[in-house]
Amino acid sequence: MSSGGLVSGLNGLSKAIKFKWFGWPGFDVHRNDMDDLRHQLADQFDAVPIFLSKDLSEQHYNGFSNTLLWPLLHRMPDYSRSHVSWSEAYLEVNELFADTIMPYVQDGDVIWIHDYHLLLLPDALRRRLGNKKDVKIGLFLHTPFPSEDFFSILPFREAICNSLLSCDLAGFHVDEYVQDFLDSAMKVLPGVERSPSDLHYKGRKLIVHSFPIGIEPDDFRSRIESEATQKELMMLEKEFKHKKVLVGVDRLDYTKGIPLKLLAFDKFLTDNPQWVGKVVLIQLAIPTRADVEEYKKLRQLVELLVGNVNGKHGMNLQT
């Protein structure tokens, strides 16, 4: 089970309504095993797999999505790299998702698309829907939406705007991202009309709104109250008794600023030596995208900084 925000958010929803998952299994599947996996996923999770070859998934996921799109969406173009084959893979995967989903679509269905990996999927589905006029499509972006300056260098920017305008509802985390998308769509596509937070284009109306995502509180409560968690808390209280404890929980991603946090902790201890031995930073850094070069470099940098801080000030940092 993935530890990402998308799965965490939808797990709570799965307790309230019934829906069918569509997604890539996360690994290359031999053709002789595909039918068995389809049946297992259908029976256990009501899920339908979209099979991608190792090369296609690498270029779509690690390539276009996470080496090109991710940094641009986060307004960090210095981390972005591109390749023609990545763009072709991104297009192909979005079309494959549409081909797999369509046989299951019935009149009156709601199709909910998630995140930057599938920004072209709404348009791909609309082109296939034909007479199924009452099928609703929504998309939620789990990342920022870039401001106009950064959107102007985004590949497929016109196609992305056109695809989002194929939805009935587009959701973003905060109002700032909503406004950035509204402004970008108005400038990129001629004929788009706005009134005032909705967009109208080619006879379609797109509602654009912010939906701050949260946690599943019942799961957190049950884990906090569990015997294992209580035992761990007692051990931590004993280990760090009479000390100030700073805690960070982040994915090991360059958008999270972990190196800056470590440098700030180092500066604090250097400028305030009276706190050495009295304050501890515990940083939980969850590895992600280990096959992407920028993330390999980030991990090496974080490990180097941790060693420097501990070597300079003593054991004031736990990882």
C-alpha atoms as a PDB file:
ATOM      1  CA  MET A   1       0.000   0.000   0.000  1.00  0.00           C
ATOM      2  CA  SER A   2       1.396   3.381  -1.004  1.00  0.00           C
ATOM      3  CA  SER A   3       2.139   5.925   1.723  1.00  0.00           C
ATOM      4  CA  GLY A   4       1.303   8.894  -0.514  1.00  0.00           C
ATOM      5  CA  GLY A   5      -1.381  11.487   0.098  1.00  0.00           C
ATOM      6  CA  LEU A   6      -3.565  10.271  -2.752  1.00  0.00           C
ATOM      7  CA  VAL A   7      -4.115   6.806  -1.289  1.00  0.00           C
ATOM      8  CA  SER A   8      -4.407   8.203   2.248  1.00  0.00           C
ATOM      9  CA  GLY A   9      -7.117  10.599   1.138  1.00  0.00           C
ATOM     10  CA  LEU A  10      -9.124   8.067  -0.852  1.00  0.00           C
ATOM     11  CA  ASN A  11      -8.965   5.359   1.803  1.00  0.00           C
ATOM     12  CA  GLY A  12     -11.246   7.486   3.945  1.00  0.00           C
ATOM     13  CA  LEU A  13     -13.648   7.947   1.039  1.00  0.00           C
ATOM     14  CA  SER A  14     -13.741   4.201   0.394  1.00  0.00           C
ATOM     15  CA  LYS A  15     -15.428   3.768   3.778  1.00  0.00           C
ATOM     16  CA  ALA A  16     -18.298   6.027   2.725  1.00  0.00           C
ATOM     17  CA  ILE A  17     -18.982   5.119  -0.914  1.00  0.00           C
ATOM     18  CA  LYS A  18     -18.203   2.282  -3.294  1.00  0.00           C
ATOM     19  CA  PHE A  19     -15.982   2.971  -6.284  1.00  0.00           C
ATOM     20  CA  LYS A  20     -13.682   1.160  -8.693  1.00  0.00           C
ATOM     21  CA  TRP A  21      -9.936   1.850  -8.828  1.00  0.00           C
ATOM     22  CA  PHE A  22      -8.042   2.164 -12.109  1.00  0.00           C
ATOM     23  CA  GLY A  23      -4.269   2.356 -11.997  1.00  0.00           C
ATOM     24  CA  TRP A  24      -0.837   1.029 -12.851  1.00  0.00           C
ATOM     25  CA  PRO A  25       0.136  -1.894 -10.543  1.00  0.00           C
ATOM     26  CA  GLY A  26       3.610  -0.410 -10.020  1.00  0.00           C
ATOM     27  CA  PHE A  27       5.673  -3.073 -11.758  1.00  0.00           C
ATOM     28  CA  ASP A  28       6.089  -4.864 -15.080  1.00  0.00           C
ATOM     29  CA  VAL A  29       3.728  -7.839 -15.405  1.00  0.00           C
ATOM     30  CA  HIS A  30       4.429 -10.773 -17.724  1.00  0.00           C
ATOM     31  CA  ARG A  31       1.608 -11.347 -20.209  1.00  0.00           C
ATOM     32  CA  ASN A  32       1.052 -14.877 -18.837  1.00  0.00           C
ATOM     33  CA  ASP A  33       0.265 -13.405 -15.399  1.00  0.00           C
ATOM     34  CA  MET A  34      -2.004 -10.547 -16.482  1.00  0.00           C
ATOM     35  CA  ASP A  35      -5.311 -12.406 -16.287  1.00  0.00           C
ATOM     36  CA  ASP A  36      -4.556 -13.793 -12.815  1.00  0.00           C
ATOM     37  CA  LEU A  37      -3.634 -10.328 -11.562  1.00  0.00           C
ATOM     38  CA  ARG A  38      -6.788  -8.826 -13.054  1.00  0.00           C
ATOM     39  CA  HIS A  39      -8.925 -11.354 -11.158  1.00  0.00           C
ATOM     40  CA  GLN A  40      -7.031 -10.855  -7.868  1.00  0.00           C
ATOM     41  CA  LEU A  41      -7.278  -7.075  -8.015  1.00  0.00           C
ATOM     42  CA  ALA A  42     -10.961  -7.216  -8.953  1.00  0.00           C
ATOM     43  CA  ASP A  43     -11.816  -9.610  -6.126  1.00  0.00           C
ATOM     44  CA  GLN A  44      -9.743  -8.000  -3.366  1.00  0.00           C
ATOM     45  CA  PHE A  45      -9.813  -4.276  -4.194  1.00  0.00           C
ATOM     46  CA  ASP A  46     -12.422  -3.773  -6.946  1.00  0.00           C
ATOM     47  CA  ALA A  47      -9.469  -2.483  -8.980  1.00  0.00           C
ATOM     48  CA  VAL A  48      -8.618  -2.608 -12.675  1.00  0.00           C
ATOM     49  CA  PRO A  49      -4.913  -2.593 -13.666  1.00  0.00           C
ATOM     50  CA  ILE A  50      -3.468  -0.637 -16.570  1.00  0.00           C
ATOM     51  CA  PHE A  51      -0.432  -2.642 -17.694  1.00  0.00           C
ATOM     52  CA  LEU A  52       2.642  -0.680 -18.786  1.00  0.00           C
ATOM     53  CA  SER A  53       5.948  -2.063 -19.982  1.00  0.00           C
ATOM     54  CA  LYS A  54       9.005  -1.334 -17.876  1.00  0.00           C
ATOM     55  CA  ASP A  55      10.382   1.113 -20.440  1.00  0.00           C
ATOM     56  CA  LEU A  56       7.055   2.918 -20.916  1.00  0.00           C
ATOM     57  CA  SER A  57       6.414   3.279 -17.184  1.00  0.00           C
ATOM     58  CA  GLU A  58       9.986   4.496 -16.614  1.00  0.00           C
ATOM     59  CA  GLN A  59       9.681   7.222 -19.238  1.00  0.00           C
ATOM     60  CA  HIS A  60       6.185   8.258 -18.160  1.00  0.00           C
ATOM     61  CA  TYR A  61       6.639   8.109 -14.375  1.00  0.00           C
ATOM     62  CA  ASN A  62      10.300   8.797 -13.588  1.00  0.00           C
ATOM     63  CA  GLY A  63      10.853  10.713 -16.818  1.00  0.00           C
ATOM     64  CA  PHE A  64       8.086  13.080 -17.877  1.00  0.00           C
ATOM     65  CA  SER A  65       6.016  13.093 -14.684  1.00  0.00           C
ATOM     66  CA  ASN A  66       8.708  13.324 -12.011  1.00  0.00           C
ATOM     67  CA  THR A  67      11.770  14.753 -13.766  1.00  0.00           C
ATOM     68  CA  LEU A  68       9.981  17.285 -15.974  1.00  0.00           C
ATOM     69  CA  LEU A  69       6.455  18.024 -14.701  1.00  0.00           C
ATOM     70  CA  TRP A  70       7.004  17.777 -10.936  1.00  0.00           C
ATOM     71  CA  PRO A  71       9.659  20.509 -10.626  1.00  0.00           C
ATOM     72  CA  LEU A  72       7.837  22.832 -13.054  1.00  0.00           C
ATOM     73  CA  LEU A  73       4.577  22.452 -11.144  1.00  0.00           C
ATOM     74  CA  HIS A  74       6.484  23.350  -7.972  1.00  0.00           C
ATOM     75  CA  ARG A  75       8.081  26.365  -9.710  1.00  0.00           C
ATOM     76  CA  MET A  76      11.572  24.876  -9.509  1.00  0.00           C
ATOM     77  CA  PRO A  77      12.688  24.745 -13.168  1.00  0.00           C
ATOM     78  CA  ASP A  78      16.358  24.242 -12.259  1.00  0.00           C
ATOM     79  CA  TYR A  79      15.507  20.645 -11.327  1.00  0.00           C
ATOM     80  CA  SER A  80      13.630  19.972 -14.579  1.00  0.00           C
ATOM     81  CA  ARG A  81      14.973  17.971 -17.518  1.00  0.00           C
ATOM     82  CA  SER A  82      13.215  16.833 -20.690  1.00  0.00           C
ATOM     83  CA  HIS A  83      13.465  14.235 -23.436  1.00  0.00           C
ATOM     84  CA  VAL A  84      11.359  13.731 -26.567  1.00  0.00           C
ATOM     85  CA  SER A  85      10.652  10.082 -25.713  1.00  0.00           C
ATOM     86  CA  TRP A  86       9.284  11.111 -22.309  1.00  0.00           C
ATOM     87  CA  SER A  87       6.651  13.322 -23.949  1.00  0.00           C
ATOM     88  CA  GLU A  88       5.629  10.499 -26.275  1.00  0.00           C
ATOM     89  CA  ALA A  89       5.361   8.107 -23.314  1.00  0.00           C
ATOM     90  CA  TYR A  90       3.197  10.574 -21.366  1.00  0.00           C
ATOM     91  CA  LEU A  91       0.771  10.848 -24.279  1.00  0.00           C
ATOM     92  CA  GLU A  92       0.686   7.060 -24.751  1.00  0.00           C
ATOM     93  CA  VAL A  93       0.017   6.296 -21.083  1.00  0.00           C
ATOM     94  CA  ASN A  94      -2.859   8.780 -20.876  1.00  0.00           C
ATOM     95  CA  GLU A  95      -4.413   7.191 -23.974  1.00  0.00           C
ATOM     96  CA  LEU A  96      -3.921   3.677 -22.517  1.00  0.00           C
ATOM     97  CA  PHE A  97      -5.731   4.710 -19.347  1.00  0.00           C
ATOM     98  CA  ALA A  98      -8.650   5.985 -21.436  1.00  0.00           C
ATOM     99  CA  ASP A  99      -8.779   2.767 -23.488  1.00  0.00           C
ATOM    100  CA  THR A 100      -8.856   0.655 -20.313  1.00  0.00           C
ATOM    101  CA  ILE A 101     -11.463   2.754 -18.521  1.00  0.00           C
ATOM    102  CA  MET A 102     -13.977   3.148 -21.359  1.00  0.00           C
ATOM    103  CA  PRO A 103     -15.393  -0.435 -21.428  1.00  0.00           C
ATOM    104  CA  TYR A 104     -16.520   0.048 -17.809  1.00  0.00           C
ATOM    105  CA  VAL A 105     -18.191   3.452 -18.271  1.00  0.00           C
ATOM    106  CA  GLN A 106     -21.980   3.638 -17.996  1.00  0.00           C
ATOM    107  CA  ASP A 107     -24.356   6.573 -18.450  1.00  0.00           C
ATOM    108  CA  GLY A 108     -24.533   8.568 -15.238  1.00  0.00           C
ATOM    109  CA  ASP A 109     -21.088   7.559 -13.996  1.00  0.00           C
ATOM    110  CA  VAL A 110     -18.620   9.879 -12.314  1.00  0.00           C
ATOM    111  CA  ILE A 111     -14.959   9.527 -13.313  1.00  0.00           C
ATOM    112  CA  TRP A 112     -12.521  11.036 -10.830  1.00  0.00           C
ATOM    113  CA  ILE A 113      -8.958  11.541 -12.097  1.00  0.00           C
ATOM    114  CA  HIS A 114      -6.052  12.234  -9.776  1.00  0.00           C
ATOM    115  CA  ASP A 115      -2.839  14.149 -10.154  1.00  0.00           C
ATOM    116  CA  TYR A 116      -0.284  15.338 -12.677  1.00  0.00           C
ATOM    117  CA  HIS A 117       0.465  11.912 -14.153  1.00  0.00           C
ATOM    118  CA  LEU A 118      -2.892  11.990 -15.992  1.00  0.00           C
ATOM    119  CA  LEU A 119      -3.485  15.617 -16.967  1.00  0.00           C
ATOM    120  CA  LEU A 120      -4.350  14.637 -20.552  1.00  0.00           C
ATOM    121  CA  LEU A 121      -6.778  11.875 -19.553  1.00  0.00           C
ATOM    122  CA  PRO A 122      -9.954  14.024 -19.313  1.00  0.00           C
ATOM    123  CA  ASP A 123      -9.670  15.013 -22.981  1.00  0.00           C
ATOM    124  CA  ALA A 124      -8.835  11.437 -24.001  1.00  0.00           C
ATOM    125  CA  LEU A 125     -12.009  10.249 -22.266  1.00  0.00           C
ATOM    126  CA  ARG A 126     -14.238  12.982 -23.709  1.00  0.00           C
ATOM    127  CA  ARG A 127     -13.120  12.040 -27.214  1.00  0.00           C
ATOM    128  CA  ARG A 128     -14.224   8.459 -26.569  1.00  0.00           C
ATOM    129  CA  LEU A 129     -17.461   9.086 -24.676  1.00  0.00           C
ATOM    130  CA  GLY A 130     -19.585   9.854 -27.717  1.00  0.00           C
ATOM    131  CA  ASN A 131     -23.250   9.902 -26.731  1.00  0.00           C
ATOM    132  CA  LYS A 132     -22.671   9.329 -23.008  1.00  0.00           C
ATOM    133  CA  LYS A 133     -23.471  12.978 -22.324  1.00  0.00           C
ATOM    134  CA  ASP A 134     -24.289  12.589 -18.627  1.00  0.00           C
ATOM    135  CA  VAL A 135     -20.907  11.161 -17.586  1.00  0.00           C
ATOM    136  CA  LYS A 136     -19.219  13.589 -15.200  1.00  0.00           C
ATOM    137  CA  ILE A 137     -15.427  13.979 -15.088  1.00  0.00           C
ATOM    138  CA  GLY A 138     -13.522  15.521 -12.214  1.00  0.00           C
ATOM    139  CA  LEU A 139      -9.793  16.011 -11.664  1.00  0.00           C
ATOM    140  CA  PHE A 140      -7.941  16.821  -8.461  1.00  0.00           C
ATOM    141  CA  LEU A 141      -4.345  18.013  -8.631  1.00  0.00           C
ATOM    142  CA  HIS A 142      -2.288  16.964  -5.596  1.00  0.00           C
ATOM    143  CA  THR A 143       0.450  19.486  -6.418  1.00  0.00           C
ATOM    144  CA  PRO A 144       0.601  23.253  -6.846  1.00  0.00           C
ATOM    145  CA  PHE A 145      -0.461  24.706 -10.169  1.00  0.00           C
ATOM    146  CA  PRO A 146       2.297  26.915 -11.588  1.00  0.00           C
ATOM    147  CA  SER A 147       1.953  30.655 -11.939  1.00  0.00           C
ATOM    148  CA  GLU A 148       1.844  32.101 -15.440  1.00  0.00           C
ATOM    149  CA  ASP A 149       5.634  32.554 -15.692  1.00  0.00           C
ATOM    150  CA  PHE A 150       6.280  28.877 -15.048  1.00  0.00           C
ATOM    151  CA  PHE A 151       3.221  27.641 -16.927  1.00  0.00           C
ATOM    152  CA  SER A 152       4.556  29.302 -20.088  1.00  0.00           C
ATOM    153  CA  ILE A 153       7.457  26.798 -20.178  1.00  0.00           C
ATOM    154  CA  LEU A 154       5.295  23.771 -19.399  1.00  0.00           C
ATOM    155  CA  PRO A 155       5.147  21.130 -22.176  1.00  0.00           C
ATOM    156  CA  PHE A 156       1.644  20.465 -23.548  1.00  0.00           C
ATOM    157  CA  ARG A 157       0.400  23.641 -21.822  1.00  0.00           C
ATOM    158  CA  GLU A 158      -2.387  24.187 -24.390  1.00  0.00           C
ATOM    159  CA  ALA A 159      -3.295  20.489 -24.355  1.00  0.00           C
ATOM    160  CA  ILE A 160      -3.301  20.439 -20.534  1.00  0.00           C
ATOM    161  CA  CYS A 161      -5.619  23.456 -20.336  1.00  0.00           C
ATOM    162  CA  ASN A 162      -7.879  21.986 -23.012  1.00  0.00           C
ATOM    163  CA  SER A 163      -7.956  18.668 -21.150  1.00  0.00           C
ATOM    164  CA  LEU A 164      -8.839  20.261 -17.809  1.00  0.00           C
ATOM    165  CA  LEU A 165     -11.594  22.186 -19.594  1.00  0.00           C
ATOM    166  CA  SER A 166     -12.988  18.794 -20.662  1.00  0.00           C
ATOM    167  CA  CYS A 167     -13.817  18.192 -16.985  1.00  0.00           C
ATOM    168  CA  ASP A 168     -16.939  19.242 -15.108  1.00  0.00           C
ATOM    169  CA  LEU A 169     -14.952  20.009 -11.960  1.00  0.00           C
ATOM    170  CA  ALA A 170     -11.264  20.724 -11.331  1.00  0.00           C
ATOM    171  CA  GLY A 171      -9.999  20.743  -7.750  1.00  0.00           C
ATOM    172  CA  PHE A 172      -6.844  22.233  -6.252  1.00  0.00           C
ATOM    173  CA  HIS A 173      -5.435  22.402  -2.728  1.00  0.00           C
ATOM    174  CA  VAL A 174      -5.734  26.156  -2.128  1.00  0.00           C
ATOM    175  CA  ASP A 175      -7.247  29.278  -3.694  1.00  0.00           C
ATOM    176  CA  GLU A 176      -3.854  30.451  -4.994  1.00  0.00           C
ATOM    177  CA  TYR A 177      -3.594  27.421  -7.290  1.00  0.00           C
ATOM    178  CA  VAL A 178      -7.186  27.960  -8.438  1.00  0.00           C
ATOM    179  CA  GLN A 179      -6.401  31.535  -9.466  1.00  0.00           C
ATOM    180  CA  ASP A 180      -3.179  30.499 -11.211  1.00  0.00           C
ATOM    181  CA  PHE A 181      -5.063  27.935 -13.286  1.00  0.00           C
ATOM    182  CA  LEU A 182      -7.882  30.358 -14.126  1.00  0.00           C
ATOM    183  CA  ASP A 183      -5.392  33.012 -15.242  1.00  0.00           C
ATOM    184  CA  SER A 184      -3.343  30.532 -17.288  1.00  0.00           C
ATOM    185  CA  ALA A 185      -6.350  29.037 -19.065  1.00  0.00           C
ATOM    186  CA  MET A 186      -7.618  32.481 -20.046  1.00  0.00           C
ATOM    187  CA  LYS A 187      -4.259  33.396 -21.606  1.00  0.00           C
ATOM    188  CA  VAL A 188      -3.405  30.075 -23.252  1.00  0.00           C
ATOM    189  CA  LEU A 189      -6.701  29.194 -24.953  1.00  0.00           C
ATOM    190  CA  PRO A 190      -8.574  31.779 -27.060  1.00  0.00           C
ATOM    191  CA  GLY A 191     -12.307  31.732 -26.508  1.00  0.00           C
ATOM    192  CA  VAL A 192     -12.266  30.869 -22.816  1.00  0.00           C
ATOM    193  CA  GLU A 193     -14.728  32.922 -20.773  1.00  0.00           C
ATOM    194  CA  ARG A 194     -14.698  33.340 -17.004  1.00  0.00           C
ATOM    195  CA  SER A 195     -17.576  34.018 -14.598  1.00  0.00           C
ATOM    196  CA  PRO A 196     -16.011  34.617 -11.979  1.00  0.00           C
ATOM    197  CA  SER A 197     -14.485  31.317 -10.737  1.00  0.00           C
ATOM    198  CA  ASP A 198     -15.932  29.106 -13.461  1.00  0.00           C
ATOM    199  CA  LEU A 199     -14.700  28.720 -17.023  1.00  0.00           C
ATOM    200  CA  HIS A 200     -16.770  28.324 -20.177  1.00  0.00           C
ATOM    201  CA  TYR A 201     -15.216  26.838 -23.303  1.00  0.00           C
ATOM    202  CA  LYS A 202     -16.726  25.269 -26.436  1.00  0.00           C
ATOM    203  CA  GLY A 203     -20.131  24.932 -24.805  1.00  0.00           C
ATOM    204  CA  ARG A 204     -18.809  23.324 -21.622  1.00  0.00           C
ATOM    205  CA  LYS A 205     -18.756  24.721 -18.101  1.00  0.00           C
ATOM    206  CA  LEU A 206     -15.864  23.902 -15.781  1.00  0.00           C
ATOM    207  CA  ILE A 207     -16.249  24.542 -12.063  1.00  0.00           C
ATOM    208  CA  VAL A 208     -12.875  25.309 -10.452  1.00  0.00           C
ATOM    209  CA  HIS A 209     -12.575  25.165  -6.672  1.00  0.00           C
ATOM    210  CA  SER A 210     -10.132  24.632  -3.821  1.00  0.00           C
ATOM    211  CA  PHE A 211     -10.481  21.505  -1.663  1.00  0.00           C
ATOM    212  CA  PRO A 212      -7.809  21.357   1.090  1.00  0.00           C
ATOM    213  CA  ILE A 213      -7.048  17.686   1.674  1.00  0.00           C
ATOM    214  CA  GLY A 214      -6.919  16.328   5.227  1.00  0.00           C
ATOM    215  CA  ILE A 215      -6.098  13.182   7.141  1.00  0.00           C
ATOM    216  CA  GLU A 216      -8.213  10.225   8.268  1.00  0.00           C
ATOM    217  CA  PRO A 217      -8.616  11.068  11.986  1.00  0.00           C
ATOM    218  CA  ASP A 218     -10.031   7.699  13.060  1.00  0.00           C
ATOM    219  CA  ASP A 219      -6.943   5.898  11.750  1.00  0.00           C
ATOM    220  CA  PHE A 220      -4.646   8.278  13.615  1.00  0.00           C
ATOM    221  CA  ARG A 221      -6.607   7.869  16.854  1.00  0.00           C
ATOM    222  CA  SER A 222      -6.539   4.086  16.677  1.00  0.00           C
ATOM    223  CA  ARG A 223      -2.794   4.022  15.983  1.00  0.00           C
ATOM    224  CA  ILE A 224      -2.018   6.477  18.789  1.00  0.00           C
ATOM    225  CA  GLU A 225      -4.013   4.378  21.232  1.00  0.00           C
ATOM    226  CA  SER A 226      -2.404   1.089  20.150  1.00  0.00           C
ATOM    227  CA  GLU A 227      -0.107  -0.754  22.536  1.00  0.00           C
ATOM    228  CA  ALA A 228       2.850  -0.598  20.122  1.00  0.00           C
ATOM    229  CA  THR A 229       2.580   3.188  19.746  1.00  0.00           C
ATOM    230  CA  GLN A 230       2.234   3.777  23.473  1.00  0.00           C
ATOM    231  CA  LYS A 231       5.288   1.610  24.115  1.00  0.00           C
ATOM    232  CA  GLU A 232       7.303   3.573  21.543  1.00  0.00           C
ATOM    233  CA  LEU A 233       6.191   6.893  23.077  1.00  0.00           C
ATOM    234  CA  MET A 234       7.344   5.764  26.515  1.00  0.00           C
ATOM    235  CA  MET A 235      10.767   4.842  25.106  1.00  0.00           C
ATOM    236  CA  LEU A 236      11.089   8.229  23.394  1.00  0.00           C
ATOM    237  CA  GLU A 237      10.042  10.103  26.532  1.00  0.00           C
ATOM    238  CA  LYS A 238      12.694   8.241  28.490  1.00  0.00           C
ATOM    239  CA  GLU A 239      15.413   8.763  25.856  1.00  0.00           C
ATOM    240  CA  PHE A 240      14.791  12.486  25.451  1.00  0.00           C
ATOM    241  CA  LYS A 241      13.802  13.363  29.015  1.00  0.00           C
ATOM    242  CA  HIS A 242      14.507  17.016  29.889  1.00  0.00           C
ATOM    243  CA  LYS A 243      15.271  17.864  26.250  1.00  0.00           C
ATOM    244  CA  LYS A 244      13.445  19.969  23.696  1.00  0.00           C
ATOM    245  CA  VAL A 245      12.484  17.766  20.755  1.00  0.00           C
ATOM    246  CA  LEU A 246      11.919  19.109  17.225  1.00  0.00           C
ATOM    247  CA  VAL A 247      10.190  16.687  14.859  1.00  0.00           C
ATOM    248  CA  GLY A 248      10.033  16.788  11.064  1.00  0.00           C
ATOM    249  CA  VAL A 249       8.085  14.332   8.917  1.00  0.00           C
ATOM    250  CA  ASP A 250       8.597  14.723   5.173  1.00  0.00           C
ATOM    251  CA  ARG A 251       9.164  12.733   2.045  1.00  0.00           C
ATOM    252  CA  LEU A 252      12.775  12.869   0.912  1.00  0.00           C
ATOM    253  CA  ASP A 253      11.943  15.387  -1.803  1.00  0.00           C
ATOM    254  CA  TYR A 254      13.731  18.567  -2.818  1.00  0.00           C
ATOM    255  CA  THR A 255      10.443  20.484  -2.537  1.00  0.00           C
ATOM    256  CA  LYS A 256      10.379  19.844   1.231  1.00  0.00           C
ATOM    257  CA  GLY A 257      13.488  21.842   2.105  1.00  0.00           C
ATOM    258  CA  ILE A 258      15.116  19.229   4.337  1.00  0.00           C
ATOM    259  CA  PRO A 259      18.705  20.414   3.635  1.00  0.00           C
ATOM    260  CA  LEU A 260      17.694  23.972   4.582  1.00  0.00           C
ATOM    261  CA  LYS A 261      16.160  22.665   7.791  1.00  0.00           C
ATOM    262  CA  LEU A 262      19.396  20.878   8.685  1.00  0.00           C
ATOM    263  CA  LEU A 263      21.475  23.955   7.891  1.00  0.00           C
ATOM    264  CA  ALA A 264      19.152  26.080  10.026  1.00  0.00           C
ATOM    265  CA  PHE A 265      19.509  23.637  12.940  1.00  0.00           C
ATOM    266  CA  ASP A 266      23.280  23.739  12.532  1.00  0.00           C
ATOM    267  CA  LYS A 267      23.277  27.558  12.585  1.00  0.00           C
ATOM    268  CA  PHE A 268      21.018  27.633  15.641  1.00  0.00           C
ATOM    269  CA  LEU A 269      23.398  25.407  17.615  1.00  0.00           C
ATOM    270  CA  THR A 270      26.430  27.343  16.397  1.00  0.00           C
ATOM    271  CA  ASP A 271      24.904  30.682  17.404  1.00  0.00           C
ATOM    272  CA  ASN A 272      23.435  29.316  20.651  1.00  0.00           C
ATOM    273  CA  PRO A 273      25.949  26.822  22.101  1.00  0.00           C
ATOM    274  CA  GLN A 274      24.073  26.801  25.402  1.00  0.00           C
ATOM    275  CA  TRP A 275      21.445  24.647  23.662  1.00  0.00           C
ATOM    276  CA  VAL A 276      23.906  21.916  22.646  1.00  0.00           C
ATOM    277  CA  GLY A 277      22.809  18.720  24.392  1.00  0.00           C
ATOM    278  CA  LYS A 278      19.457  20.247  25.314  1.00  0.00           C
ATOM    279  CA  VAL A 279      17.655  20.137  21.965  1.00  0.00           C
ATOM    280  CA  VAL A 280      17.251  17.283  19.482  1.00  0.00           C
ATOM    281  CA  LEU A 281      15.986  17.289  15.914  1.00  0.00           C
ATOM    282  CA  ILE A 282      14.280  14.076  14.810  1.00  0.00           C
ATOM    283  CA  GLN A 283      13.776  14.150  11.038  1.00  0.00           C
ATOM    284  CA  LEU A 284      11.790  11.345   9.442  1.00  0.00           C
ATOM    285  CA  ALA A 285      12.656  11.439   5.732  1.00  0.00           C
ATOM    286  CA  ILE A 286      10.673   8.882   3.732  1.00  0.00           C
ATOM    287  CA  PRO A 287      12.583   7.813   0.571  1.00  0.00           C
ATOM    288  CA  THR A 288      10.801   8.404  -2.724  1.00  0.00           C
ATOM    289  CA  ARG A 289      11.647   8.116  -6.444  1.00  0.00           C
ATOM    290  CA  ALA A 290      14.976   6.490  -5.698  1.00  0.00           C
ATOM    291  CA  ASP A 291      15.598   5.882  -9.409  1.00  0.00           C
ATOM    292  CA  VAL A 292      15.508   9.603 -10.298  1.00  0.00           C
ATOM    293  CA  GLU A 293      18.979  11.183 -10.358  1.00  0.00           C
ATOM    294  CA  GLU A 294      17.992  14.362  -8.487  1.00  0.00           C
ATOM    295  CA  TYR A 295      16.640  12.274  -5.610  1.00  0.00           C
ATOM    296  CA  LYS A 296      19.818  10.211  -5.400  1.00  0.00           C
ATOM    297  CA  LYS A 297      21.800  13.455  -5.078  1.00  0.00           C
ATOM    298  CA  LEU A 298      19.383  14.755  -2.452  1.00  0.00           C
ATOM    299  CA  ARG A 299      19.738  11.645  -0.312  1.00  0.00           C
ATOM    300  CA  GLN A 300      23.534  11.909  -0.445  1.00  0.00           C
ATOM    301  CA  LEU A 301      23.356  15.592   0.545  1.00  0.00           C
ATOM    302  CA  VAL A 302      21.012  14.940   3.473  1.00  0.00           C
ATOM    303  CA  GLU A 303      23.190  12.091   4.774  1.00  0.00           C
ATOM    304  CA  LEU A 304      26.262  14.351   4.494  1.00  0.00           C
ATOM    305  CA  LEU A 305      24.551  17.194   6.385  1.00  0.00           C
ATOM    306  CA  VAL A 306      23.336  14.847   9.124  1.00  0.00           C
ATOM    307  CA  GLY A 307      26.875  13.584   9.596  1.00  0.00           C
ATOM    308  CA  ASN A 308      28.231  17.132   9.702  1.00  0.00           C
ATOM    309  CA  VAL A 309      25.710  18.305  12.307  1.00  0.00           C
ATOM    310  CA  ASN A 310      26.213  15.269  14.538  1.00  0.00           C
ATOM    311  CA  GLY A 311      29.982  15.466  14.187  1.00  0.00           C
ATOM    312  CA  LYS A 312      30.072  19.184  14.965  1.00  0.00           C
ATOM    313  CA  HIS A 313      27.570  19.353  17.826  1.00  0.00           C
ATOM    314  CA  GLY A 314      27.283  15.803  19.157  1.00  0.00           C
ATOM    315  CA  MET A 315      24.230  13.553  18.849  1.00  0.00           C
ATOM    316  CA  ASN A 316      21.614  16.286  18.456  1.00  0.00           C
ATOM    317  CA  LEU A 317      20.023  14.864  15.308  1.00  0.00           C
ATOM    318  CA  GLN A 318      18.206  11.562  14.906  1.00  0.00           C
ATOM    319  CA  THR A 319      17.269  10.199  11.455  1.00  0.00           C
END
